[in-house]
Amino acid sequence: MSGTPAAKPLVDLADGEWHRLHPASPLLRGGLVFIAIAGFVIANLRERVVDFFLVVFAPDQLGDGFGEWDDENDWGRDPIGGIVANNLVGWALLAVLVVIVLVIAGFWLSWRMHTFRVTPEAVEVRSGILFRSHRSARLDRIQGINITRPVFARLFGAAKLEVQVAGQSGNMQLAYLGSSLTDGLRRDILRLASGARATHGGEVPAATLPAVAPGQTVAEPIPGAEPIPGAAPVPGAEPATIGSRAGAIVGQRVDEFLAPELDPELAPPESVVHIPVGRIVGSTLLGGAAFWVLVVAGVVVAGILTRQLWLLFTFVPAAIGLVSYLWSRITKSLRYSIAGTPDGVRVGYGLLSTANHTLPPGRIHAVEATQWIFWRPFGWWSVRINVAGQSVTSSSEAAQRTLVLPVGTAEDVQRVIALLLPEAAAGGALAGGIASGLTGRAGRPGDGFSATPRRAVWLHPFSWRRIGWSGTAGIALLRRGALVRRLVLVPLARMQSVAVSAGPVRRALALSEVRLHTVMGPVVASLPVIEREQGEALFAHLADEAVLRANDDRSQHWGREAADA
């Protein structure tokens, strides 16, 4: 009997109704751990497992000595042998069957009890079987939306959506959704967060209706949820053979694996920065971690030559960890792209496991361009940002999201900063400040940055000529560093506070330090040395202008501002 069941109408996931996640979500969240544990146990007891099945299916193949058992000492060492020797095979199989049934039932209940909804005010998630939880993330607190597609989840056509909100440990995950539905849900959440309100009285805009291939499963609505008015049946719902359905699904999965993580139709081509593979590999090998790889490798070689084998047990694991780190840096930077979209800056990266995150306007609190000394001959830079809810102690995946440009040229840095701070970069006044901040130093014509007094050489003998600050279009620019050049840009509208301080040595030299406080993150905005009188004047200037800029800032309601315009 051939044919496909009647297709469900497409569901608007931002309609305010409760919806369920992808049916494979429990397996993708916790089932892989269960499978890994089972594989580990089987691998360690493989000989006894083989004997176990020989007893059941081929008892004639057992040797004469099989089944000898010491009840007193061998149960803890070889439980499978004890089961066979005591004729408990049937009970053991029944116990395994019960465990499997309980695990499947737990997965099913976990999926049934995990629901979410998107309202005009918040994203809400309800979960838990015995202990229920209800979490809510306000749309006006959203700092960004991340979509991750691990390689195993991509086989199921699933993706993880994470709503990043202000505050530590406040992020909310929807793991997992249908991959084709995730982009549409992100678009709807950002539309609501921008201040624009959806109108669900009529036909839903076509942008919210993702393309669904024949046989694809969409996120299942809770019974009673309203379907989209006038939604057409899923294309391909007509009778089809099992082979054609399987071929369509395989074809769609292949297309998803080959598709770029950032859709080039979302932004004009000239606003996209691409990173060549050679630059990614070269910058990784010339990075700070590669230096430690060479150090560890030298110690291991010296241990082998001097027959100090204890060094191998100490440093070989460290070398393996460093090599793994370098490899992950390379793979996470492959297919990297960044572009401006109507809802903010979108960054995509990854080879097999891919990810992309969207940074709405008005959420960037600090930007830093950094150049490691070994990158200087090639003119390479990296760019990091501070966003609320992203701490310096976050996981490696979260830390990767703060790296908006792994490696690029000075021109790439200009284009990326123009995407991150479009209001300041609109007039072109910021471009000159960025150019001077990247490679300039005091005393050069047209530098535009403040000069540091020569007595600062006692505190910063190599970098005192580079230390300085400038300001334009509501952006404070701070540069410093010789071994590692740094240029920090802080939008004054989102600066948290400013502080001026001076310890005993600085007071003796009539110097002070100015620090601009932002949300926690990898970027530290500080001016290490400045004339004491200039530091006091800078403190007062930044404090006053930050209040004025914050009062005039409307970037967080970008959708409402665009509609009014």
Protein backbone atom coordinates (compact mmCIF):
# COMPACT_ATOMS: atom_id res chain seq x y z
CA MET A 1 0.00 0.00 0.00
CA SER A 2 1.56 3.28 -1.11
CA GLY A 3 0.81 6.91 -0.46
CA THR A 4 1.33 9.50 2.24
CA PRO A 5 -0.95 10.46 5.10
CA ALA A 6 -2.94 13.65 4.92
CA ALA A 7 -0.58 16.57 5.51
CA LYS A 8 -1.11 18.92 8.41
CA PRO A 9 -1.49 22.61 7.63
CA LEU A 10 1.49 24.79 8.32
CA VAL A 11 1.51 26.37 11.77
CA ASP A 12 2.55 29.92 12.61
CA LEU A 13 4.89 29.34 15.58
CA ALA A 14 4.57 32.99 16.69
CA ASP A 15 0.76 32.96 16.91
CA GLY A 16 0.63 32.99 20.73
CA GLU A 17 -0.45 29.32 20.97
CA TRP A 18 1.49 26.52 22.67
CA HIS A 19 3.55 24.30 20.34
CA ARG A 20 5.75 21.25 20.76
CA LEU A 21 9.32 20.72 19.65
CA HIS A 22 10.65 18.40 16.96
CA PRO A 23 9.75 14.74 17.78
CA ALA A 24 13.45 13.79 17.79
CA SER A 25 14.28 16.39 20.46
CA PRO A 26 14.54 13.95 23.43
CA LEU A 27 16.93 11.72 21.46
CA LEU A 28 19.06 14.68 20.39
CA ARG A 29 19.16 16.17 23.91
CA GLY A 30 19.72 13.11 26.08
CA GLY A 31 19.48 9.98 23.98
CA LEU A 32 22.99 10.31 22.60
CA VAL A 33 24.39 10.15 26.13
CA PHE A 34 22.36 7.00 26.80
CA ILE A 35 23.64 5.41 23.57
CA ALA A 36 27.23 6.38 24.43
CA ILE A 37 26.95 4.82 27.91
CA ALA A 38 25.48 1.63 26.45
CA GLY A 39 28.28 1.47 23.86
CA PHE A 40 30.92 1.98 26.57
CA VAL A 41 29.50 -0.84 28.69
CA ILE A 42 29.26 -3.20 25.73
CA ALA A 43 32.80 -2.36 24.60
CA ASN A 44 34.22 -3.14 28.04
CA LEU A 45 32.24 -6.37 28.40
CA ARG A 46 32.31 -7.45 24.75
CA GLU A 47 33.73 -10.91 25.46
CA ARG A 48 31.11 -11.71 28.06
CA VAL A 49 28.38 -10.26 25.83
CA VAL A 50 29.44 -12.66 23.06
CA ASP A 51 29.35 -15.57 25.53
CA PHE A 52 25.93 -14.37 26.70
CA PHE A 53 24.46 -14.67 23.22
CA LEU A 54 26.23 -17.99 22.63
CA VAL A 55 24.35 -19.42 25.61
CA VAL A 56 21.07 -18.24 24.13
CA PHE A 57 21.55 -19.03 20.44
CA ALA A 58 24.45 -21.56 20.18
CA PRO A 59 24.98 -23.47 23.44
CA ASP A 60 26.80 -26.30 21.56
CA GLN A 61 29.70 -23.96 20.77
CA LEU A 62 30.64 -23.39 24.43
CA GLY A 63 33.82 -24.88 25.81
CA ASP A 64 34.04 -27.45 28.62
CA GLY A 65 35.16 -24.93 31.20
CA PHE A 66 32.46 -22.38 30.49
CA GLY A 67 30.09 -21.61 33.34
CA GLU A 68 32.46 -22.20 36.26
CA TRP A 69 31.61 -19.51 38.75
CA ASP A 70 32.76 -18.27 42.12
CA ASP A 71 29.66 -16.81 43.81
CA GLU A 72 31.75 -15.18 46.46
CA ASN A 73 34.25 -13.16 44.44
CA ASP A 74 33.16 -12.86 40.79
CA TRP A 75 29.80 -11.03 40.86
CA GLY A 76 31.36 -7.58 41.05
CA ARG A 77 34.04 -8.42 38.49
CA ASP A 78 31.93 -10.25 35.91
CA PRO A 79 28.14 -9.79 36.34
CA ILE A 80 27.35 -11.19 32.88
CA GLY A 81 29.16 -14.41 33.71
CA GLY A 82 27.13 -14.64 36.92
CA ILE A 83 23.87 -14.21 35.00
CA VAL A 84 24.81 -17.03 32.62
CA ALA A 85 26.16 -19.34 35.32
CA ASN A 86 23.05 -18.93 37.49
CA ASN A 87 20.54 -19.37 34.64
CA LEU A 88 19.23 -15.81 34.89
CA VAL A 89 19.37 -15.09 31.16
CA GLY A 90 15.61 -14.73 30.79
CA TRP A 91 15.32 -12.35 33.74
CA ALA A 92 18.26 -10.30 32.41
CA LEU A 93 16.64 -9.94 28.99
CA LEU A 94 13.39 -8.93 30.67
CA ALA A 95 15.24 -6.31 32.75
CA VAL A 96 16.93 -4.89 29.64
CA LEU A 97 13.55 -4.74 27.88
CA VAL A 98 12.00 -2.93 30.85
CA VAL A 99 14.84 -0.38 30.90
CA ILE A 100 14.44 0.28 27.17
CA VAL A 101 10.68 0.72 27.53
CA LEU A 102 11.15 3.09 30.48
CA VAL A 103 13.71 5.16 28.56
CA ILE A 104 11.42 5.42 25.52
CA ALA A 105 8.47 6.33 27.75
CA GLY A 106 10.58 8.96 29.51
CA PHE A 107 11.63 10.43 26.16
CA TRP A 108 8.03 10.54 24.97
CA LEU A 109 6.76 12.17 28.17
CA SER A 110 9.61 14.68 28.05
CA TRP A 111 8.62 15.65 24.51
CA ARG A 112 4.91 15.85 25.35
CA MET A 113 5.46 18.03 28.41
CA HIS A 114 7.96 20.42 26.76
CA THR A 115 6.03 23.20 25.02
CA PHE A 116 6.67 26.79 24.02
CA ARG A 117 4.84 29.81 22.72
CA VAL A 118 5.68 33.26 21.38
CA THR A 119 3.45 36.15 22.37
CA PRO A 120 3.78 39.87 21.51
CA GLU A 121 5.49 40.32 24.92
CA ALA A 122 7.63 37.23 25.60
CA VAL A 123 8.91 33.79 24.63
CA GLU A 124 7.67 31.21 27.15
CA VAL A 125 8.74 27.61 27.74
CA ARG A 126 7.07 24.98 29.94
CA SER A 127 8.91 21.74 30.69
CA GLY A 128 9.34 18.98 33.27
CA ILE A 129 7.57 15.73 34.14
CA LEU A 130 7.61 15.48 37.94
CA PHE A 131 8.82 19.03 38.61
CA ARG A 132 7.28 21.55 36.23
CA SER A 133 9.00 24.80 35.27
CA HIS A 134 7.70 27.82 33.37
CA ARG A 135 10.25 30.30 32.00
CA SER A 136 9.58 33.56 30.23
CA ALA A 137 11.97 35.80 28.25
CA ARG A 138 10.73 39.31 27.59
CA LEU A 139 11.09 40.40 24.00
CA ASP A 140 12.39 43.84 24.94
CA ARG A 141 15.29 42.15 26.78
CA ILE A 142 16.41 40.02 23.84
CA GLN A 143 20.08 40.59 22.97
CA GLY A 144 20.31 38.17 20.08
CA ILE A 145 19.07 34.88 18.65
CA ASN A 146 21.40 31.97 17.93
CA ILE A 147 20.65 29.01 15.67
CA THR A 148 22.87 25.94 15.98
CA ARG A 149 22.73 22.90 13.72
CA PRO A 150 24.90 20.07 15.14
CA VAL A 151 25.88 17.49 12.59
CA PHE A 152 23.75 14.71 14.15
CA ALA A 153 20.71 16.99 14.44
CA ARG A 154 21.07 17.93 10.77
CA LEU A 155 20.50 14.29 9.86
CA PHE A 156 17.03 14.63 11.40
CA GLY A 157 16.39 18.02 9.79
CA ALA A 158 16.47 19.70 13.23
CA ALA A 159 18.11 22.82 14.66
CA LYS A 160 18.47 24.45 18.07
CA LEU A 161 17.25 28.01 18.60
CA GLU A 162 18.57 29.97 21.59
CA VAL A 163 17.07 33.28 22.68
CA GLN A 164 19.79 35.34 24.33
CA VAL A 165 18.48 37.78 26.95
CA ALA A 166 20.12 40.25 29.30
CA GLY A 167 21.25 38.77 32.60
CA GLN A 168 23.44 35.82 33.52
CA SER A 169 22.02 32.31 32.88
CA GLY A 170 18.91 33.88 31.39
CA ASN A 171 19.17 32.42 27.88
CA MET A 172 16.30 30.25 26.70
CA GLN A 173 16.73 27.28 24.37
CA LEU A 174 14.26 25.62 22.02
CA ALA A 175 16.02 22.34 21.33
CA TYR A 176 15.06 21.18 18.81
CA LEU A 177 12.83 22.57 16.03
CA GLY A 178 12.38 21.64 12.40
CA SER A 179 15.32 23.20 10.57
CA SER A 180 13.15 24.87 7.93
CA LEU A 181 10.93 26.40 10.62
CA THR A 182 13.74 27.81 12.75
CA ASP A 183 14.68 30.69 10.45
CA GLY A 184 11.04 31.77 10.16
CA LEU A 185 10.57 31.68 13.94
CA ARG A 186 13.71 33.77 14.46
CA ARG A 187 12.40 36.31 11.95
CA ASP A 188 9.05 36.54 13.75
CA ILE A 189 10.64 36.89 17.21
CA LEU A 190 12.94 39.67 16.00
CA ARG A 191 10.02 41.40 14.30
CA LEU A 192 8.09 41.43 17.57
CA ALA A 193 11.17 42.49 19.57
CA SER A 194 11.77 45.42 17.19
CA GLY A 195 8.53 47.09 18.22
CA ALA A 196 6.56 46.02 15.17
CA ARG A 197 3.42 44.10 16.02
CA ALA A 198 2.07 41.20 13.98
CA THR A 199 -1.49 41.21 12.65
CA HIS A 200 -2.93 37.72 12.90
CA GLY A 201 -6.41 38.70 11.78
CA GLY A 202 -5.81 37.81 8.16
CA GLU A 203 -3.37 35.92 6.07
CA VAL A 204 0.04 35.41 7.61
CA PRO A 205 2.86 37.07 5.62
CA ALA A 206 4.63 34.73 3.27
CA ALA A 207 7.89 35.31 5.15
CA THR A 208 6.59 33.26 8.05
CA LEU A 209 5.70 30.26 5.88
CA PRO A 210 8.82 28.13 5.41
CA ALA A 211 9.20 25.82 2.51
CA VAL A 212 8.46 22.21 3.48
CA ALA A 213 9.68 19.34 1.39
CA PRO A 214 7.60 16.22 0.77
CA GLY A 215 7.50 14.03 3.84
CA GLN A 216 9.06 16.62 6.15
CA THR A 217 7.79 16.85 9.72
CA VAL A 218 6.95 20.29 11.04
CA ALA A 219 6.76 21.31 14.69
CA GLU A 220 3.57 19.78 16.04
CA PRO A 221 0.97 22.15 17.50
CA ILE A 222 -0.87 21.26 20.68
CA PRO A 223 -4.36 19.99 19.91
CA GLY A 224 -6.71 22.93 19.69
CA ALA A 225 -4.15 25.38 18.30
CA GLU A 226 -5.49 27.36 15.36
CA PRO A 227 -3.89 26.65 11.96
CA ILE A 228 -2.92 29.47 9.67
CA PRO A 229 -6.06 30.77 7.94
CA GLY A 230 -6.09 29.78 4.30
CA ALA A 231 -2.90 27.74 4.55
CA ALA A 232 -2.42 25.43 1.62
CA PRO A 233 -1.62 21.74 2.03
CA VAL A 234 2.01 20.75 2.12
CA PRO A 235 3.38 20.38 -1.42
CA GLY A 236 3.83 16.75 -2.31
CA ALA A 237 0.99 15.49 -0.13
CA GLU A 238 -0.45 13.57 -3.12
CA PRO A 239 0.08 9.82 -3.17
CA ALA A 240 3.73 8.90 -3.66
CA THR A 241 5.88 5.83 -3.35
CA ILE A 242 8.05 5.21 -0.32
CA GLY A 243 11.12 5.44 -2.51
CA SER A 244 10.22 8.88 -3.84
CA ARG A 245 9.53 10.14 -0.32
CA ALA A 246 12.86 8.81 0.94
CA GLY A 247 14.66 10.31 -2.06
CA ALA A 248 13.07 13.70 -1.44
CA ILE A 249 14.11 13.66 2.21
CA VAL A 250 17.68 12.61 1.39
CA GLY A 251 17.86 15.29 -1.31
CA GLN A 252 16.69 17.93 1.12
CA ARG A 253 19.25 16.88 3.74
CA VAL A 254 22.04 17.08 1.13
CA ASP A 255 20.87 20.55 0.09
CA GLU A 256 20.88 21.66 3.74
CA PHE A 257 24.44 20.39 4.23
CA LEU A 258 25.69 22.24 1.13
CA ALA A 259 23.70 25.45 1.61
CA PRO A 260 25.60 28.51 2.96
CA GLU A 261 24.94 29.28 6.60
CA LEU A 262 24.16 32.90 5.69
CA ASP A 263 21.66 33.38 2.87
CA PRO A 264 23.29 35.79 0.36
CA GLU A 265 19.84 37.13 -0.57
CA LEU A 266 19.43 38.69 2.91
CA ALA A 267 22.01 41.41 2.27
CA PRO A 268 23.77 43.06 -0.69
CA PRO A 269 26.96 41.20 -1.63
CA GLU A 270 29.23 44.17 -0.87
CA SER A 271 28.22 44.11 2.82
CA VAL A 272 29.41 40.52 3.34
CA VAL A 273 32.92 39.67 4.59
CA HIS A 274 34.25 36.24 3.64
CA ILE A 275 37.44 34.70 5.06
CA PRO A 276 39.73 32.61 2.79
CA VAL A 277 40.64 29.16 4.09
CA GLY A 278 44.37 29.87 3.82
CA ARG A 279 44.04 32.90 6.07
CA ILE A 280 42.13 30.86 8.67
CA VAL A 281 44.78 28.14 8.79
CA GLY A 282 47.69 30.59 8.75
CA SER A 283 46.29 32.80 11.50
CA THR A 284 45.59 29.77 13.70
CA LEU A 285 49.11 28.42 13.28
CA LEU A 286 50.55 31.85 14.09
CA GLY A 287 48.30 32.39 17.11
CA GLY A 288 49.23 32.24 20.77
CA ALA A 289 47.98 28.66 21.22
CA ALA A 290 50.30 27.43 18.45
CA PHE A 291 53.26 28.79 20.45
CA TRP A 292 52.30 26.61 23.41
CA VAL A 293 51.95 23.61 21.09
CA LEU A 294 55.59 24.08 20.06
CA VAL A 295 56.63 24.39 23.70
CA VAL A 296 54.84 21.20 24.71
CA ALA A 297 56.18 19.34 21.65
CA GLY A 298 59.73 20.41 22.56
CA VAL A 299 59.30 19.15 26.12
CA VAL A 300 57.98 15.79 24.88
CA VAL A 301 60.89 15.38 22.43
CA ALA A 302 63.37 16.29 25.16
CA GLY A 303 61.78 13.71 27.46
CA ILE A 304 62.16 10.99 24.83
CA LEU A 305 65.79 11.86 24.07
CA THR A 306 66.75 12.01 27.76
CA ARG A 307 64.66 8.91 28.63
CA GLN A 308 62.61 10.92 31.13
CA LEU A 309 59.42 9.07 30.31
CA TRP A 310 57.46 10.71 33.10
CA LEU A 311 57.36 13.83 30.91
CA LEU A 312 55.26 11.91 28.38
CA PHE A 313 52.55 11.17 30.92
CA THR A 314 52.55 14.85 31.95
CA PHE A 315 52.67 16.71 28.64
CA VAL A 316 51.22 14.35 26.00
CA PRO A 317 47.62 14.90 27.23
CA ALA A 318 48.28 18.66 27.17
CA ALA A 319 49.57 18.41 23.59
CA ILE A 320 46.49 16.47 22.52
CA GLY A 321 44.25 19.09 24.12
CA LEU A 322 46.06 21.96 22.41
CA VAL A 323 45.93 20.28 19.00
CA SER A 324 42.21 19.65 19.46
CA TYR A 325 41.74 23.31 20.35
CA LEU A 326 43.58 24.45 17.21
CA TRP A 327 41.55 22.08 15.05
CA SER A 328 38.27 23.33 16.53
CA ARG A 329 39.36 26.94 15.90
CA ILE A 330 39.95 26.12 12.24
CA THR A 331 36.71 24.17 11.70
CA LYS A 332 34.59 26.77 13.51
CA SER A 333 35.95 29.51 11.27
CA LEU A 334 35.33 27.69 7.99
CA ARG A 335 32.51 29.06 5.82
CA TYR A 336 32.51 32.14 8.04
CA SER A 337 30.44 35.08 6.86
CA ILE A 338 29.00 38.25 8.34
CA ALA A 339 26.41 40.58 6.86
CA GLY A 340 23.84 43.18 7.76
CA THR A 341 20.16 42.21 7.59
CA PRO A 342 17.00 44.23 8.31
CA ASP A 343 16.97 42.75 11.83
CA GLY A 344 20.63 43.25 12.66
CA VAL A 345 24.03 41.73 12.01
CA ARG A 346 24.07 38.02 11.25
CA VAL A 347 27.20 35.89 11.63
CA GLY A 348 27.43 32.32 10.33
CA TYR A 349 30.20 29.73 10.56
CA GLY A 350 30.92 26.01 10.69
CA LEU A 351 31.63 23.08 8.39
CA LEU A 352 29.65 20.01 9.51
CA SER A 353 28.12 21.48 12.67
CA THR A 354 27.01 24.99 11.75
CA ALA A 355 25.79 27.99 13.72
CA ASN A 356 24.62 31.52 13.10
CA HIS A 357 23.56 34.28 15.42
CA THR A 358 21.77 37.57 14.87
CA LEU A 359 22.66 40.72 16.83
CA PRO A 360 19.77 43.20 16.73
CA PRO A 361 20.51 46.95 16.55
CA GLY A 362 21.29 48.65 19.84
CA ARG A 363 22.64 45.52 21.56
CA ILE A 364 26.38 46.05 21.01
CA HIS A 365 27.98 47.50 24.16
CA ALA A 366 31.66 47.43 23.12
CA VAL A 367 33.75 46.45 20.10
CA GLU A 368 37.45 45.56 20.13
CA ALA A 369 39.84 45.05 17.21
CA THR A 370 42.95 43.06 18.20
CA GLN A 371 46.21 42.31 16.37
CA TRP A 372 48.65 39.70 17.71
CA ILE A 373 52.29 40.58 16.96
CA PHE A 374 52.79 37.55 14.66
CA TRP A 375 49.83 38.73 12.57
CA ARG A 376 51.33 42.18 12.02
CA PRO A 377 53.33 41.36 8.84
CA PHE A 378 50.11 40.13 7.20
CA GLY A 379 47.89 42.97 8.44
CA TRP A 380 45.42 40.59 10.12
CA TRP A 381 42.98 41.59 12.86
CA SER A 382 40.20 39.98 14.87
CA VAL A 383 37.07 41.66 16.24
CA ARG A 384 35.22 40.83 19.47
CA ILE A 385 32.16 42.38 21.08
CA ASN A 386 30.43 42.68 24.45
CA VAL A 387 26.74 41.76 24.54
CA ALA A 388 24.53 41.61 27.62
CA GLY A 389 24.12 38.06 28.93
CA GLN A 390 27.49 36.87 27.56
CA SER A 391 30.05 36.63 30.35
CA VAL A 392 33.78 35.99 30.12
CA THR A 393 33.28 32.65 31.92
CA SER A 394 30.73 31.30 29.42
CA SER A 395 31.15 28.05 27.54
CA SER A 396 33.36 27.83 24.47
CA GLU A 397 30.30 27.94 22.23
CA ALA A 398 29.09 31.15 23.90
CA ALA A 399 32.58 32.66 23.75
CA GLN A 400 32.70 31.90 20.01
CA ARG A 401 29.65 34.12 19.52
CA THR A 402 31.53 37.15 20.82
CA LEU A 403 34.10 36.68 18.03
CA VAL A 404 32.40 38.39 15.08
CA LEU A 405 35.53 38.39 12.89
CA PRO A 406 38.11 35.63 13.56
CA VAL A 407 40.69 37.10 11.19
CA GLY A 408 40.49 39.84 8.60
CA THR A 409 42.30 42.77 7.04
CA ALA A 410 42.03 46.39 8.16
CA GLU A 411 39.44 46.93 5.41
CA ASP A 412 37.42 44.01 6.78
CA VAL A 413 37.58 45.56 10.26
CA GLN A 414 36.20 48.84 8.86
CA ARG A 415 33.31 47.04 7.18
CA VAL A 416 32.50 44.92 10.25
CA ILE A 417 32.49 47.94 12.59
CA ALA A 418 30.26 49.77 10.10
CA LEU A 419 27.80 46.85 10.39
CA LEU A 420 27.98 46.74 14.19
CA LEU A 421 27.69 50.53 14.71
CA PRO A 422 25.74 51.74 11.67
CA GLU A 423 24.54 55.02 13.21
CA ALA A 424 28.07 56.18 14.03
CA ALA A 425 29.53 54.97 10.73
CA ALA A 426 26.81 56.55 8.56
CA GLY A 427 28.53 59.91 8.12
CA GLY A 428 31.99 58.48 7.47
CA ALA A 429 33.57 60.35 10.38
CA LEU A 430 34.31 57.10 12.21
CA ALA A 431 36.46 55.64 9.41
CA GLY A 432 39.40 57.99 10.04
CA GLY A 433 39.34 57.33 13.75
CA ILE A 434 39.39 53.57 13.18
CA ALA A 435 42.33 53.81 10.76
CA SER A 436 44.35 55.88 13.25
CA GLY A 437 43.34 53.64 16.14
CA LEU A 438 44.49 50.45 14.42
CA THR A 439 48.04 51.39 13.43
CA GLY A 440 48.57 55.02 14.51
CA ARG A 441 50.73 56.44 17.27
CA ALA A 442 51.15 59.83 18.90
CA GLY A 443 53.04 62.45 16.93
CA ARG A 444 51.91 61.42 13.45
CA PRO A 445 50.13 64.11 11.40
CA GLY A 446 46.34 63.85 11.51
CA ASP A 447 46.40 61.20 14.21
CA GLY A 448 43.39 62.61 16.04
CA PHE A 449 44.08 60.77 19.33
CA SER A 450 45.22 62.30 22.59
CA ALA A 451 48.96 62.22 23.35
CA THR A 452 50.41 60.48 26.40
CA PRO A 453 53.14 62.30 28.39
CA ARG A 454 56.64 60.89 28.12
CA ARG A 455 56.85 60.08 31.83
CA ALA A 456 54.32 57.26 31.17
CA VAL A 457 57.31 55.30 29.85
CA TRP A 458 57.93 54.18 33.45
CA LEU A 459 54.62 52.26 33.40
CA HIS A 460 54.35 51.29 29.71
CA PRO A 461 57.83 51.45 28.16
CA PHE A 462 56.87 49.89 24.81
CA SER A 463 53.32 51.07 24.22
CA TRP A 464 53.13 54.57 25.74
CA ARG A 465 53.20 56.23 22.29
CA ARG A 466 50.10 54.26 21.20
CA ILE A 467 47.98 54.94 24.28
CA GLY A 468 45.33 57.55 23.60
CA TRP A 469 41.63 58.26 23.15
CA SER A 470 39.37 59.95 20.65
CA GLY A 471 35.65 60.47 20.26
CA THR A 472 33.24 60.98 17.38
CA ALA A 473 29.54 60.49 16.68
CA GLY A 474 28.82 59.30 20.22
CA ILE A 475 31.59 56.65 20.13
CA ALA A 476 34.60 56.65 22.47
CA LEU A 477 37.73 55.14 20.87
CA LEU A 478 40.54 53.86 23.12
CA ARG A 479 43.78 52.42 21.76
CA ARG A 480 46.67 50.75 23.56
CA GLY A 481 49.12 47.85 23.36
CA ALA A 482 52.41 47.10 21.58
CA LEU A 483 52.76 43.32 21.66
CA VAL A 484 49.02 43.05 21.08
CA ARG A 485 47.51 46.11 19.48
CA ARG A 486 44.00 46.93 20.68
CA LEU A 487 41.37 49.42 19.58
CA VAL A 488 38.18 49.55 21.67
CA LEU A 489 35.01 51.35 20.61
CA VAL A 490 32.27 52.02 23.17
CA PRO A 491 28.88 53.51 22.18
CA LEU A 492 28.29 56.08 24.91
CA ALA A 493 24.54 55.49 24.76
CA ARG A 494 25.12 52.01 26.23
CA MET A 495 28.02 52.76 28.57
CA GLN A 496 27.20 51.66 32.12
CA SER A 497 29.54 54.00 34.02
CA VAL A 498 32.95 55.65 33.90
CA ALA A 499 35.68 55.70 36.55
CA VAL A 500 38.98 57.52 37.02
CA SER A 501 41.58 56.11 39.42
CA ALA A 502 45.23 56.58 40.38
CA GLY A 503 47.43 54.43 42.60
CA PRO A 504 50.56 55.60 44.44
CA VAL A 505 52.84 55.30 41.39
CA ARG A 506 50.44 57.10 39.07
CA ARG A 507 49.89 59.86 41.64
CA ALA A 508 53.64 60.33 41.91
CA LEU A 509 53.82 60.72 38.12
CA ALA A 510 50.72 62.99 37.98
CA LEU A 511 48.91 60.34 35.90
CA SER A 512 45.62 58.50 36.23
CA GLU A 513 43.67 55.66 34.61
CA VAL A 514 40.21 55.95 33.02
CA ARG A 515 37.96 52.92 32.67
CA LEU A 516 34.65 52.74 30.80
CA HIS A 517 32.35 50.11 32.30
CA THR A 518 30.16 48.03 29.99
CA VAL A 519 28.36 44.72 30.39
CA MET A 520 30.61 41.74 31.16
CA GLY A 521 32.49 40.29 28.24
CA PRO A 522 35.92 39.79 26.67
CA VAL A 523 36.33 43.49 25.84
CA VAL A 524 37.87 45.72 28.54
CA ALA A 525 37.60 49.43 27.78
CA SER A 526 40.39 51.24 29.65
CA LEU A 527 42.89 53.99 29.10
CA PRO A 528 45.93 52.90 31.18
CA VAL A 529 47.60 56.31 31.52
CA ILE A 530 46.50 59.89 30.97
CA GLU A 531 47.41 63.29 32.42
CA ARG A 532 45.64 63.73 35.75
CA GLU A 533 43.87 66.94 34.69
CA GLN A 534 42.92 65.45 31.32
CA GLY A 535 41.60 62.35 33.07
CA GLU A 536 39.28 64.43 35.25
CA ALA A 537 38.06 66.39 32.23
CA LEU A 538 37.53 63.17 30.24
CA PHE A 539 35.59 61.66 33.15
CA ALA A 540 33.19 64.63 33.24
CA HIS A 541 32.83 64.74 29.45
CA LEU A 542 32.01 61.04 29.08
CA ALA A 543 29.57 61.06 32.00
CA ASP A 544 27.60 63.99 30.57
CA GLU A 545 27.58 62.82 26.96
CA ALA A 546 26.55 59.28 27.94
CA VAL A 547 23.36 60.65 29.52
CA LEU A 548 22.54 62.74 26.45
CA ARG A 549 23.21 59.87 24.03
CA ALA A 550 21.17 57.41 26.09
CA ASN A 551 18.18 59.77 26.10
CA ASP A 552 18.31 60.14 22.32
CA ASP A 553 18.95 56.46 21.53
CA ARG A 554 16.04 54.70 19.78
CA SER A 555 17.97 51.90 18.11
CA GLN A 556 16.47 49.18 20.35
CA HIS A 557 13.06 49.82 18.67
CA TRP A 558 14.39 49.52 15.14
CA GLY A 559 11.14 48.15 13.72
CA ARG A 560 9.01 50.94 15.14
CA GLU A 561 11.49 53.59 14.02
CA ALA A 562 11.54 52.16 10.48
CA ALA A 563 7.73 52.15 10.37
CA ASP A 564 7.58 55.77 11.57
CA ALA A 565 10.18 56.78 8.99
